[in-house]
Amino acid sequence: MKQFKNKTIELIYSIFIIFIAVFSVALVGLDYLGVINIYHSFIGTVYYAIWIFYILDYITGFCLAKNHKQFLLETSLDLISLIPAHPIFVIFRLYRVIRIVRHYNLFWKFGWDGKVTGGIHRFIYDTGFIYLFSISIVILIFSALIYSHFEQHNLSTSLWWAITTATTVGYGDISPQTAGGKLIAAFLMFGGIGFIGLLTSTITDFFTHGDKDVTDDKIDKLSKQIESLTAEVHSLQKSVKKNNTPK
């Protein structure tokens, strides 16, 4: 009975998390469209209350986690959603919704778990793509935040600089002028490019080797069918010869 109550409480809490995650993203979207202003009136109070709740939830989850390192890796996007520098980071709270959906196997329960969802799951989790993606995003965002502090650029400009630098595009429209900006640029050139390279190679390997594995499976099945058919033909030939043998 106690276990049943715990599961019920966990389910209610998960539903509440999904609600406030979607609600906070909707608030930011309406603010971006100019419908509301999340920094004023009662809406601002609700927005910051949700932010404080997420901070407490993250700290609690970290303290209760059996493996803190694994927790940090799995919730790195959740950590980004707590950055107060810009409301756009709130969108990363939707990753928490995805994790809840996976935890309760909702796709499978609704009959949506098939070949497509299986392939997506293999690509995102089995290849380690989600971890490389999370680390890459963390590096880009924190580099942009530090760069904006030293170079006195707004966050969107700093993010553009971080992305073009980490992907080795380097348009040259923005370049560091201060010592701190150059230091973070050097870090991004080595650390960021390394993870971005791993990310792209993971994507490439999945599609190349994934297709090869599918082809090999089809060849193996076809070979087995041919062997089975050959055995049946030999058996039929023996039967025909035996019947045609004069007694």
C-alpha atoms as a PDB file:
ATOM      1  CA  MET A   1       0.000   0.000   0.000  1.00  0.00           C
ATOM      2  CA  LYS A   2       2.853   2.362   0.866  1.00  0.00           C
ATOM      3  CA  GLN A   3       4.562   1.595  -2.433  1.00  0.00           C
ATOM      4  CA  PHE A   4       1.296   2.308  -4.251  1.00  0.00           C
ATOM      5  CA  LYS A   5       0.997   5.671  -2.504  1.00  0.00           C
ATOM      6  CA  ASN A   6       4.605   6.524  -3.383  1.00  0.00           C
ATOM      7  CA  LYS A   7       3.991   5.741  -7.045  1.00  0.00           C
ATOM      8  CA  THR A   8       0.799   7.802  -7.009  1.00  0.00           C
ATOM      9  CA  ILE A   9       2.604  10.766  -5.452  1.00  0.00           C
ATOM     10  CA  GLU A  10       5.428  10.399  -7.970  1.00  0.00           C
ATOM     11  CA  LEU A  11       2.923  10.388 -10.848  1.00  0.00           C
ATOM     12  CA  ILE A  12       1.123  13.478  -9.536  1.00  0.00           C
ATOM     13  CA  TYR A  13       4.450  15.271  -9.100  1.00  0.00           C
ATOM     14  CA  SER A  14       5.511  14.319 -12.641  1.00  0.00           C
ATOM     15  CA  ILE A  15       2.240  15.673 -14.047  1.00  0.00           C
ATOM     16  CA  PHE A  16       2.797  18.898 -12.098  1.00  0.00           C
ATOM     17  CA  ILE A  17       6.337  19.193 -13.484  1.00  0.00           C
ATOM     18  CA  ILE A  18       5.041  18.728 -17.034  1.00  0.00           C
ATOM     19  CA  PHE A  19       2.386  21.387 -16.466  1.00  0.00           C
ATOM     20  CA  ILE A  20       4.714  24.077 -15.094  1.00  0.00           C
ATOM     21  CA  ALA A  21       7.351  23.294 -17.741  1.00  0.00           C
ATOM     22  CA  VAL A  22       4.905  23.764 -20.599  1.00  0.00           C
ATOM     23  CA  PHE A  23       3.305  26.747 -18.817  1.00  0.00           C
ATOM     24  CA  SER A  24       6.634  28.539 -18.310  1.00  0.00           C
ATOM     25  CA  VAL A  25       7.620  27.957 -21.960  1.00  0.00           C
ATOM     26  CA  ALA A  26       4.216  29.328 -23.007  1.00  0.00           C
ATOM     27  CA  LEU A  27       4.784  32.438 -20.847  1.00  0.00           C
ATOM     28  CA  VAL A  28       8.136  33.089 -22.511  1.00  0.00           C
ATOM     29  CA  GLY A  29       6.585  32.552 -25.937  1.00  0.00           C
ATOM     30  CA  LEU A  30       3.785  35.044 -25.216  1.00  0.00           C
ATOM     31  CA  ASP A  31       6.353  37.511 -23.867  1.00  0.00           C
ATOM     32  CA  TYR A  32       8.408  37.120 -27.047  1.00  0.00           C
ATOM     33  CA  LEU A  33       5.293  37.835 -29.140  1.00  0.00           C
ATOM     34  CA  GLY A  34       4.581  40.935 -27.057  1.00  0.00           C
ATOM     35  CA  VAL A  35       1.280  39.640 -25.668  1.00  0.00           C
ATOM     36  CA  ILE A  36       2.423  39.781 -22.037  1.00  0.00           C
ATOM     37  CA  ASN A  37       5.403  41.021 -20.037  1.00  0.00           C
ATOM     38  CA  ILE A  38       6.831  38.345 -17.746  1.00  0.00           C
ATOM     39  CA  TYR A  39       8.830  40.889 -15.741  1.00  0.00           C
ATOM     40  CA  HIS A  40       5.856  42.878 -14.451  1.00  0.00           C
ATOM     41  CA  SER A  41       2.692  42.382 -12.386  1.00  0.00           C
ATOM     42  CA  PHE A  42       1.432  39.035 -11.123  1.00  0.00           C
ATOM     43  CA  ILE A  43       2.774  37.144 -14.158  1.00  0.00           C
ATOM     44  CA  GLY A  44       6.311  38.123 -13.176  1.00  0.00           C
ATOM     45  CA  THR A  45       5.756  36.745  -9.675  1.00  0.00           C
ATOM     46  CA  VAL A  46       4.521  33.435 -11.098  1.00  0.00           C
ATOM     47  CA  TYR A  47       7.445  33.277 -13.556  1.00  0.00           C
ATOM     48  CA  TYR A  48      10.060  33.747 -10.818  1.00  0.00           C
ATOM     49  CA  ALA A  49       8.204  31.406  -8.433  1.00  0.00           C
ATOM     50  CA  ILE A  50       8.457  28.637 -11.044  1.00  0.00           C
ATOM     51  CA  TRP A  51      12.143  29.426 -11.504  1.00  0.00           C
ATOM     52  CA  ILE A  52      12.791  29.134  -7.729  1.00  0.00           C
ATOM     53  CA  PHE A  53      10.809  25.890  -7.630  1.00  0.00           C
ATOM     54  CA  TYR A  54      12.967  24.435 -10.414  1.00  0.00           C
ATOM     55  CA  ILE A  55      16.130  25.425  -8.548  1.00  0.00           C
ATOM     56  CA  LEU A  56      14.920  23.655  -5.384  1.00  0.00           C
ATOM     57  CA  ASP A  57      13.820  20.642  -7.431  1.00  0.00           C
ATOM     58  CA  TYR A  58      17.235  20.404  -9.105  1.00  0.00           C
ATOM     59  CA  ILE A  59      19.143  20.709  -5.809  1.00  0.00           C
ATOM     60  CA  THR A  60      16.907  18.076  -4.206  1.00  0.00           C
ATOM     61  CA  GLY A  61      17.373  15.713  -7.128  1.00  0.00           C
ATOM     62  CA  PHE A  62      21.140  16.180  -7.005  1.00  0.00           C
ATOM     63  CA  CYS A  63      21.273  15.474  -3.252  1.00  0.00           C
ATOM     64  CA  LEU A  64      19.127  12.346  -3.572  1.00  0.00           C
ATOM     65  CA  ALA A  65      20.954  10.989  -6.643  1.00  0.00           C
ATOM     66  CA  LYS A  66      23.012   7.851  -6.059  1.00  0.00           C
ATOM     67  CA  ASN A  67      25.505   8.860  -8.755  1.00  0.00           C
ATOM     68  CA  HIS A  68      26.073  12.615  -8.801  1.00  0.00           C
ATOM     69  CA  LYS A  69      28.224  12.514 -11.930  1.00  0.00           C
ATOM     70  CA  GLN A  70      25.586  10.602 -13.863  1.00  0.00           C
ATOM     71  CA  PHE A  71      22.910  12.967 -12.587  1.00  0.00           C
ATOM     72  CA  LEU A  72      24.827  16.010 -13.834  1.00  0.00           C
ATOM     73  CA  LEU A  73      25.258  14.423 -17.257  1.00  0.00           C
ATOM     74  CA  GLU A  74      21.612  13.442 -17.578  1.00  0.00           C
ATOM     75  CA  THR A  75      20.265  16.790 -16.325  1.00  0.00           C
ATOM     76  CA  SER A  76      22.711  19.209 -17.919  1.00  0.00           C
ATOM     77  CA  LEU A  77      19.940  20.696 -20.057  1.00  0.00           C
ATOM     78  CA  ASP A  78      17.828  21.122 -16.929  1.00  0.00           C
ATOM     79  CA  LEU A  79      20.694  23.093 -15.425  1.00  0.00           C
ATOM     80  CA  ILE A  80      20.749  25.388 -18.464  1.00  0.00           C
ATOM     81  CA  SER A  81      17.036  26.088 -17.993  1.00  0.00           C
ATOM     82  CA  LEU A  82      17.862  27.632 -14.600  1.00  0.00           C
ATOM     83  CA  ILE A  83      20.118  30.348 -16.069  1.00  0.00           C
ATOM     84  CA  PRO A  84      18.374  33.663 -15.323  1.00  0.00           C
ATOM     85  CA  ALA A  85      20.344  35.677 -17.896  1.00  0.00           C
ATOM     86  CA  HIS A  86      17.739  35.255 -20.637  1.00  0.00           C
ATOM     87  CA  PRO A  87      14.195  33.761 -20.662  1.00  0.00           C
ATOM     88  CA  ILE A  88      14.986  31.775 -23.825  1.00  0.00           C
ATOM     89  CA  PHE A  89      16.760  29.198 -21.641  1.00  0.00           C
ATOM     90  CA  VAL A  90      13.365  28.199 -20.245  1.00  0.00           C
ATOM     91  CA  ILE A  91      12.769  26.160 -23.403  1.00  0.00           C
ATOM     92  CA  PHE A  92      15.256  23.569 -22.108  1.00  0.00           C
ATOM     93  CA  ARG A  93      12.694  22.637 -19.438  1.00  0.00           C
ATOM     94  CA  LEU A  94      10.918  20.654 -22.134  1.00  0.00           C
ATOM     95  CA  TYR A  95      13.743  18.112 -21.907  1.00  0.00           C
ATOM     96  CA  ARG A  96      12.438  17.279 -18.429  1.00  0.00           C
ATOM     97  CA  VAL A  97       9.086  16.501 -20.036  1.00  0.00           C
ATOM     98  CA  ILE A  98      10.808  14.154 -22.494  1.00  0.00           C
ATOM     99  CA  ARG A  99      12.550  12.340 -19.633  1.00  0.00           C
ATOM    100  CA  ILE A 100       9.236  11.878 -17.819  1.00  0.00           C
ATOM    101  CA  VAL A 101       7.657  10.490 -20.999  1.00  0.00           C
ATOM    102  CA  ARG A 102      10.541   8.000 -21.277  1.00  0.00           C
ATOM    103  CA  HIS A 103      10.320   7.102 -17.599  1.00  0.00           C
ATOM    104  CA  TYR A 104       6.666   6.088 -17.865  1.00  0.00           C
ATOM    105  CA  ASN A 105       7.040   4.563 -21.361  1.00  0.00           C
ATOM    106  CA  LEU A 106       4.104   6.644 -22.584  1.00  0.00           C
ATOM    107  CA  PHE A 107       4.865   6.050 -26.270  1.00  0.00           C
ATOM    108  CA  TRP A 108       4.701   2.298 -25.697  1.00  0.00           C
ATOM    109  CA  LYS A 109       1.532   2.515 -23.589  1.00  0.00           C
ATOM    110  CA  PHE A 110      -0.257   4.546 -26.257  1.00  0.00           C
ATOM    111  CA  GLY A 111       0.895   2.191 -28.993  1.00  0.00           C
ATOM    112  CA  TRP A 112       3.225   4.742 -30.586  1.00  0.00           C
ATOM    113  CA  ASP A 113       6.385   2.752 -29.932  1.00  0.00           C
ATOM    114  CA  GLY A 114       7.417   1.302 -33.248  1.00  0.00           C
ATOM    115  CA  LYS A 115      10.196   1.252 -35.785  1.00  0.00           C
ATOM    116  CA  VAL A 116      10.500   5.050 -35.956  1.00  0.00           C
ATOM    117  CA  THR A 117      10.525   5.680 -32.204  1.00  0.00           C
ATOM    118  CA  GLY A 118      12.888   2.730 -31.724  1.00  0.00           C
ATOM    119  CA  GLY A 119      15.317   4.223 -34.242  1.00  0.00           C
ATOM    120  CA  ILE A 120      15.090   7.637 -32.572  1.00  0.00           C
ATOM    121  CA  HIS A 121      15.746   6.069 -29.161  1.00  0.00           C
ATOM    122  CA  ARG A 122      18.802   4.218 -30.471  1.00  0.00           C
ATOM    123  CA  PHE A 123      20.126   7.369 -32.099  1.00  0.00           C
ATOM    124  CA  ILE A 124      19.624   9.645 -29.067  1.00  0.00           C
ATOM    125  CA  TYR A 125      20.547   7.335 -26.185  1.00  0.00           C
ATOM    126  CA  ASP A 126      22.394   4.213 -27.352  1.00  0.00           C
ATOM    127  CA  THR A 127      24.975   6.220 -29.299  1.00  0.00           C
ATOM    128  CA  GLY A 128      25.506   8.667 -26.430  1.00  0.00           C
ATOM    129  CA  PHE A 129      24.290  11.508 -28.652  1.00  0.00           C
ATOM    130  CA  ILE A 130      22.235  13.123 -25.890  1.00  0.00           C
ATOM    131  CA  TYR A 131      25.254  13.367 -23.577  1.00  0.00           C
ATOM    132  CA  LEU A 132      27.524  14.858 -26.247  1.00  0.00           C
ATOM    133  CA  PHE A 133      24.772  17.237 -27.288  1.00  0.00           C
ATOM    134  CA  SER A 134      24.150  18.323 -23.689  1.00  0.00           C
ATOM    135  CA  ILE A 135      27.839  18.924 -23.007  1.00  0.00           C
ATOM    136  CA  SER A 136      28.226  20.840 -26.284  1.00  0.00           C
ATOM    137  CA  ILE A 137      25.243  23.060 -25.445  1.00  0.00           C
ATOM    138  CA  VAL A 138      26.584  23.693 -21.934  1.00  0.00           C
ATOM    139  CA  ILE A 139      30.007  24.676 -23.314  1.00  0.00           C
ATOM    140  CA  LEU A 140      28.472  26.998 -25.916  1.00  0.00           C
ATOM    141  CA  ILE A 141      26.116  28.728 -23.496  1.00  0.00           C
ATOM    142  CA  PHE A 142      28.560  29.219 -20.652  1.00  0.00           C
ATOM    143  CA  SER A 143      31.232  30.405 -23.087  1.00  0.00           C
ATOM    144  CA  ALA A 144      28.729  32.898 -24.499  1.00  0.00           C
ATOM    145  CA  LEU A 145      27.785  34.109 -21.016  1.00  0.00           C
ATOM    146  CA  ILE A 146      31.408  34.689 -19.994  1.00  0.00           C
ATOM    147  CA  TYR A 147      32.236  36.228 -23.363  1.00  0.00           C
ATOM    148  CA  SER A 148      29.308  38.658 -23.102  1.00  0.00           C
ATOM    149  CA  HIS A 149      30.577  39.734 -19.677  1.00  0.00           C
ATOM    150  CA  PHE A 150      34.100  40.505 -20.894  1.00  0.00           C
ATOM    151  CA  GLU A 151      33.225  41.938 -24.306  1.00  0.00           C
ATOM    152  CA  GLN A 152      30.041  43.752 -23.236  1.00  0.00           C
ATOM    153  CA  HIS A 153      27.934  42.138 -25.962  1.00  0.00           C
ATOM    154  CA  ASN A 154      24.325  41.044 -25.521  1.00  0.00           C
ATOM    155  CA  LEU A 155      23.635  37.341 -25.080  1.00  0.00           C
ATOM    156  CA  SER A 156      22.271  36.705 -28.587  1.00  0.00           C
ATOM    157  CA  THR A 157      25.391  38.230 -30.169  1.00  0.00           C
ATOM    158  CA  SER A 158      27.645  36.218 -27.834  1.00  0.00           C
ATOM    159  CA  LEU A 159      25.797  32.991 -28.671  1.00  0.00           C
ATOM    160  CA  TRP A 160      26.238  33.710 -32.379  1.00  0.00           C
ATOM    161  CA  TRP A 161      29.959  34.214 -31.799  1.00  0.00           C
ATOM    162  CA  ALA A 162      30.216  30.983 -29.760  1.00  0.00           C
ATOM    163  CA  ILE A 163      28.436  28.904 -32.408  1.00  0.00           C
ATOM    164  CA  THR A 164      30.473  30.251 -35.320  1.00  0.00           C
ATOM    165  CA  THR A 165      33.704  29.738 -33.353  1.00  0.00           C
ATOM    166  CA  ALA A 166      32.926  26.198 -32.150  1.00  0.00           C
ATOM    167  CA  THR A 167      31.822  25.069 -35.609  1.00  0.00           C
ATOM    168  CA  THR A 168      35.007  26.570 -37.145  1.00  0.00           C
ATOM    169  CA  VAL A 169      32.925  28.747 -39.477  1.00  0.00           C
ATOM    170  CA  GLY A 170      34.390  31.945 -38.055  1.00  0.00           C
ATOM    171  CA  TYR A 171      32.816  34.700 -40.135  1.00  0.00           C
ATOM    172  CA  GLY A 172      35.008  37.257 -38.381  1.00  0.00           C
ATOM    173  CA  ASP A 173      32.140  39.691 -37.801  1.00  0.00           C
ATOM    174  CA  ILE A 174      32.716  39.383 -34.042  1.00  0.00           C
ATOM    175  CA  SER A 175      36.114  38.888 -32.439  1.00  0.00           C
ATOM    176  CA  PRO A 176      37.406  39.170 -28.858  1.00  0.00           C
ATOM    177  CA  GLN A 177      39.179  42.374 -27.896  1.00  0.00           C
ATOM    178  CA  THR A 178      39.810  41.873 -24.174  1.00  0.00           C
ATOM    179  CA  ALA A 179      42.161  39.412 -22.464  1.00  0.00           C
ATOM    180  CA  GLY A 180      39.232  37.597 -20.862  1.00  0.00           C
ATOM    181  CA  GLY A 181      37.435  37.326 -24.182  1.00  0.00           C
ATOM    182  CA  LYS A 182      40.524  35.917 -25.877  1.00  0.00           C
ATOM    183  CA  LEU A 183      40.967  33.400 -23.067  1.00  0.00           C
ATOM    184  CA  ILE A 184      37.424  32.094 -23.371  1.00  0.00           C
ATOM    185  CA  ALA A 185      37.857  32.035 -27.165  1.00  0.00           C
ATOM    186  CA  ALA A 186      40.943  29.835 -26.794  1.00  0.00           C
ATOM    187  CA  PHE A 187      39.009  27.493 -24.481  1.00  0.00           C
ATOM    188  CA  LEU A 188      36.138  27.271 -26.966  1.00  0.00           C
ATOM    189  CA  MET A 189      38.513  26.617 -29.861  1.00  0.00           C
ATOM    190  CA  PHE A 190      39.962  23.543 -28.136  1.00  0.00           C
ATOM    191  CA  GLY A 191      37.162  22.232 -25.917  1.00  0.00           C
ATOM    192  CA  GLY A 192      34.128  23.273 -27.942  1.00  0.00           C
ATOM    193  CA  ILE A 193      35.461  22.155 -31.314  1.00  0.00           C
ATOM    194  CA  GLY A 194      36.402  18.773 -29.824  1.00  0.00           C
ATOM    195  CA  PHE A 195      32.885  18.071 -28.594  1.00  0.00           C
ATOM    196  CA  ILE A 196      31.254  19.447 -31.743  1.00  0.00           C
ATOM    197  CA  GLY A 197      33.519  17.125 -33.760  1.00  0.00           C
ATOM    198  CA  LEU A 198      32.499  14.141 -31.642  1.00  0.00           C
ATOM    199  CA  LEU A 199      28.866  15.122 -32.057  1.00  0.00           C
ATOM    200  CA  THR A 200      29.024  15.248 -35.842  1.00  0.00           C
ATOM    201  CA  SER A 201      31.037  12.023 -36.052  1.00  0.00           C
ATOM    202  CA  THR A 202      28.446  10.273 -33.848  1.00  0.00           C
ATOM    203  CA  ILE A 203      25.686  11.344 -36.229  1.00  0.00           C
ATOM    204  CA  THR A 204      27.689  10.196 -39.254  1.00  0.00           C
ATOM    205  CA  ASP A 205      28.612   6.827 -37.704  1.00  0.00           C
ATOM    206  CA  PHE A 206      25.008   6.123 -36.736  1.00  0.00           C
ATOM    207  CA  PHE A 207      23.649   6.589 -40.246  1.00  0.00           C
ATOM    208  CA  THR A 208      26.521   4.839 -42.019  1.00  0.00           C
ATOM    209  CA  HIS A 209      26.941   1.865 -39.675  1.00  0.00           C
ATOM    210  CA  GLY A 210      23.221   1.753 -38.920  1.00  0.00           C
ATOM    211  CA  ASP A 211      22.398   1.241 -42.584  1.00  0.00           C
ATOM    212  CA  LYS A 212      25.182  -1.347 -42.853  1.00  0.00           C
ATOM    213  CA  ASP A 213      23.771  -3.288 -39.888  1.00  0.00           C
ATOM    214  CA  VAL A 214      20.294  -3.281 -41.441  1.00  0.00           C
ATOM    215  CA  THR A 215      21.729  -4.512 -44.756  1.00  0.00           C
ATOM    216  CA  ASP A 216      23.722  -7.277 -43.016  1.00  0.00           C
ATOM    217  CA  ASP A 217      20.607  -8.420 -41.152  1.00  0.00           C
ATOM    218  CA  LYS A 218      18.656  -8.612 -44.404  1.00  0.00           C
ATOM    219  CA  ILE A 219      21.474 -10.595 -46.073  1.00  0.00           C
ATOM    220  CA  ASP A 220      21.625 -13.029 -43.112  1.00  0.00           C
ATOM    221  CA  LYS A 221      17.858 -13.592 -43.248  1.00  0.00           C
ATOM    222  CA  LEU A 222      17.962 -14.109 -47.015  1.00  0.00           C
ATOM    223  CA  SER A 223      20.867 -16.571 -46.669  1.00  0.00           C
ATOM    224  CA  LYS A 224      18.947 -18.592 -44.088  1.00  0.00           C
ATOM    225  CA  GLN A 225      15.869 -18.668 -46.322  1.00  0.00           C
ATOM    226  CA  ILE A 226      18.001 -19.867 -49.257  1.00  0.00           C
ATOM    227  CA  GLU A 227      19.581 -22.578 -47.106  1.00  0.00           C
ATOM    228  CA  SER A 228      16.165 -23.702 -45.908  1.00  0.00           C
ATOM    229  CA  LEU A 229      14.822 -23.746 -49.474  1.00  0.00           C
ATOM    230  CA  THR A 230      17.877 -25.675 -50.679  1.00  0.00           C
ATOM    231  CA  ALA A 231      17.384 -28.281 -47.958  1.00  0.00           C
ATOM    232  CA  GLU A 232      13.736 -28.685 -48.946  1.00  0.00           C
ATOM    233  CA  VAL A 233      14.722 -29.115 -52.616  1.00  0.00           C
ATOM    234  CA  HIS A 234      17.292 -31.805 -51.725  1.00  0.00           C
ATOM    235  CA  SER A 235      14.711 -33.560 -49.589  1.00  0.00           C
ATOM    236  CA  LEU A 236      12.204 -33.430 -52.431  1.00  0.00           C
ATOM    237  CA  GLN A 237      14.779 -34.801 -54.918  1.00  0.00           C
ATOM    238  CA  LYS A 238      15.550 -37.715 -52.614  1.00  0.00           C
ATOM    239  CA  SER A 239      11.854 -38.442 -52.254  1.00  0.00           C
ATOM    240  CA  VAL A 240      11.337 -38.381 -56.024  1.00  0.00           C
ATOM    241  CA  LYS A 241      14.336 -40.684 -56.633  1.00  0.00           C
ATOM    242  CA  LYS A 242      13.105 -43.110 -54.001  1.00  0.00           C
ATOM    243  CA  ASN A 243       9.635 -43.275 -55.555  1.00  0.00           C
ATOM    244  CA  ASN A 244      11.058 -43.734 -59.080  1.00  0.00           C
ATOM    245  CA  THR A 245      13.385 -46.582 -58.026  1.00  0.00           C
ATOM    246  CA  PRO A 246      12.026 -49.903 -59.496  1.00  0.00           C
ATOM    247  CA  LYS A 247      11.047 -52.438 -56.885  1.00  0.00           C
END
